[in-house]
Protein backbone atom coordinates (compact mmCIF):
# COMPACT_ATOMS: atom_id res chain seq x y z
CA MET A 1 -0.04 0.02 0.00
CA GLU A 2 1.18 3.34 -1.03
CA ILE A 3 -0.11 6.70 0.26
CA ASN A 4 0.55 9.99 -1.46
CA LYS A 5 -1.22 13.20 -0.35
CA LYS A 6 -1.65 16.75 -1.03
CA ILE A 7 -3.73 19.70 0.19
CA GLU A 8 -5.45 21.84 -2.34
CA GLN A 9 -7.70 24.67 -1.52
CA GLY A 10 -8.29 23.38 1.96
CA VAL A 11 -9.08 19.86 0.80
CA LEU A 12 -6.87 16.82 1.62
CA VAL A 13 -6.54 14.60 -1.47
CA VAL A 14 -5.14 11.15 -0.69
CA TYR A 15 -3.90 9.01 -3.58
CA LEU A 16 -3.84 5.31 -2.55
CA SER A 17 -2.32 2.54 -4.55
CA GLY A 18 -1.88 -1.30 -4.14
CA ASN A 19 -3.99 -3.46 -1.78
CA LEU A 20 -6.04 -2.18 1.11
CA LEU A 21 -5.87 -5.17 3.43
CA GLY A 22 -5.69 -5.26 7.16
CA GLU A 23 -4.46 -2.94 10.00
CA HIS A 24 -0.99 -2.32 8.65
CA ALA A 25 -2.56 -0.43 5.68
CA ASN A 26 -5.44 1.21 7.54
CA GLY A 27 -3.65 2.61 10.55
CA PRO A 28 -1.56 5.12 8.69
CA ILE A 29 -4.54 6.21 6.71
CA LEU A 30 -6.63 6.88 9.79
CA GLU A 31 -3.82 8.60 11.48
CA LEU A 32 -3.58 10.88 8.28
CA VAL A 33 -7.22 11.53 8.70
CA ARG A 34 -6.83 12.28 12.32
CA GLN A 35 -3.91 14.69 11.94
CA ASN A 36 -5.70 16.72 9.23
CA LEU A 37 -8.94 16.96 11.17
CA GLU A 38 -6.95 18.22 14.18
CA SER A 39 -5.23 20.97 11.81
CA GLY A 40 -8.75 22.06 10.59
CA VAL A 41 -8.83 20.23 7.32
CA ASN A 42 -12.24 18.30 7.13
CA LYS A 43 -12.78 17.84 3.55
CA ILE A 44 -11.02 14.74 2.29
CA ILE A 45 -11.02 12.94 -1.05
CA PHE A 46 -9.58 9.59 -1.49
CA SER A 47 -8.50 8.49 -5.07
CA LEU A 48 -8.71 4.80 -5.42
CA LYS A 49 -7.67 4.76 -9.11
CA GLU A 50 -4.63 2.58 -8.32
CA VAL A 51 -6.13 0.30 -5.67
CA LYS A 52 -5.97 -3.27 -6.89
CA PHE A 53 -8.02 -4.90 -4.12
CA ILE A 54 -9.88 -3.89 -1.01
CA ASN A 55 -11.33 -6.17 1.61
CA SER A 56 -13.89 -5.78 4.33
CA THR A 57 -11.18 -4.39 6.71
CA GLY A 58 -10.38 -1.72 4.17
CA PHE A 59 -14.07 -0.65 3.72
CA GLY A 60 -14.30 -0.66 7.56
CA MET A 61 -11.42 1.88 7.62
CA PHE A 62 -13.23 4.01 5.12
CA MET A 63 -16.38 3.86 7.33
CA SER A 64 -14.35 4.90 10.36
CA ALA A 65 -12.75 7.84 8.36
CA LEU A 66 -16.15 8.86 7.10
CA ALA A 67 -17.69 8.98 10.72
CA ARG A 68 -14.71 11.05 12.01
CA VAL A 69 -14.84 13.42 9.11
CA ARG A 70 -18.56 13.81 9.34
CA ASN A 71 -18.39 14.28 13.14
CA ALA A 72 -15.89 17.15 12.58
CA GLY A 73 -18.44 18.80 10.28
CA GLY A 74 -16.71 17.87 7.13
CA GLU A 75 -17.10 15.51 4.09
CA LEU A 76 -15.23 12.60 2.56
CA ILE A 77 -15.52 11.67 -1.15
CA LEU A 78 -14.24 8.43 -2.70
CA ALA A 79 -13.05 9.17 -6.26
CA GLU A 80 -11.83 7.22 -9.29
CA LEU A 81 -13.09 3.79 -8.17
CA PRO A 82 -11.75 0.79 -10.23
CA ASP A 83 -14.57 -1.33 -11.58
CA ASN A 84 -14.07 -4.12 -9.11
CA VAL A 85 -14.15 -1.72 -6.15
CA GLN A 86 -17.27 0.10 -7.52
CA LYS A 87 -18.97 -3.45 -7.95
CA LEU A 88 -18.14 -4.34 -4.24
CA MET A 89 -19.42 -0.94 -3.03
CA ASN A 90 -22.60 -1.51 -4.90
CA MET A 91 -23.12 -5.03 -3.72
CA MET A 92 -22.59 -3.92 -0.09
CA LYS A 93 -24.75 -1.01 -0.57
CA LEU A 94 -21.90 1.39 0.53
CA ASP A 95 -22.60 3.52 -2.44
CA ALA A 96 -25.70 4.70 -0.39
CA ILE A 97 -23.39 5.82 2.34
CA PHE A 98 -20.48 7.40 0.62
CA LEU A 99 -20.29 10.10 -1.75
CA ILE A 100 -18.57 8.79 -4.89
CA SER A 101 -17.05 10.90 -7.81
CA VAL A 102 -15.68 9.84 -11.24
CA SER A 103 -12.66 12.13 -10.85
CA VAL A 104 -10.68 14.09 -8.30
CA GLN A 105 -11.69 17.32 -10.02
CA ASP A 106 -15.44 16.34 -9.83
CA ALA A 107 -15.06 15.65 -6.16
CA GLN A 108 -13.19 18.99 -5.57
CA GLU A 109 -16.03 20.80 -7.29
CA ARG A 110 -18.63 19.02 -5.15
CA LEU A 111 -16.70 19.90 -1.92
CA ALA A 112 -16.37 23.42 -2.99
CA LEU A 113 -20.25 23.71 -2.92
CA LEU A 114 -20.22 22.77 0.80
CA LYS A 115 -19.52 25.40 3.42
């Protein structure tokens, strides 16, 4: 699992690649979310374009991150989902919980509408 991040216009954009499996991958991601929320950044986009596989633990981590961000008055968007991840999201009905965007730019535009 590789994590790259940047902050643009007050939005944290996190680019993930590889496999999202287990605590060793999830811990650093949740810590990144925590640090940014503490510093006042409560709008987060996760780009999953380069994610090969995600299991239930990975989806659980996103649920935790979403709860933390929304509790801090912010929003989290999952962007650029590969077909296999999108199918799992649909099957598990998580697409009804998460905001999903086709691109990081689309996600940024949606977040810009939120105050």
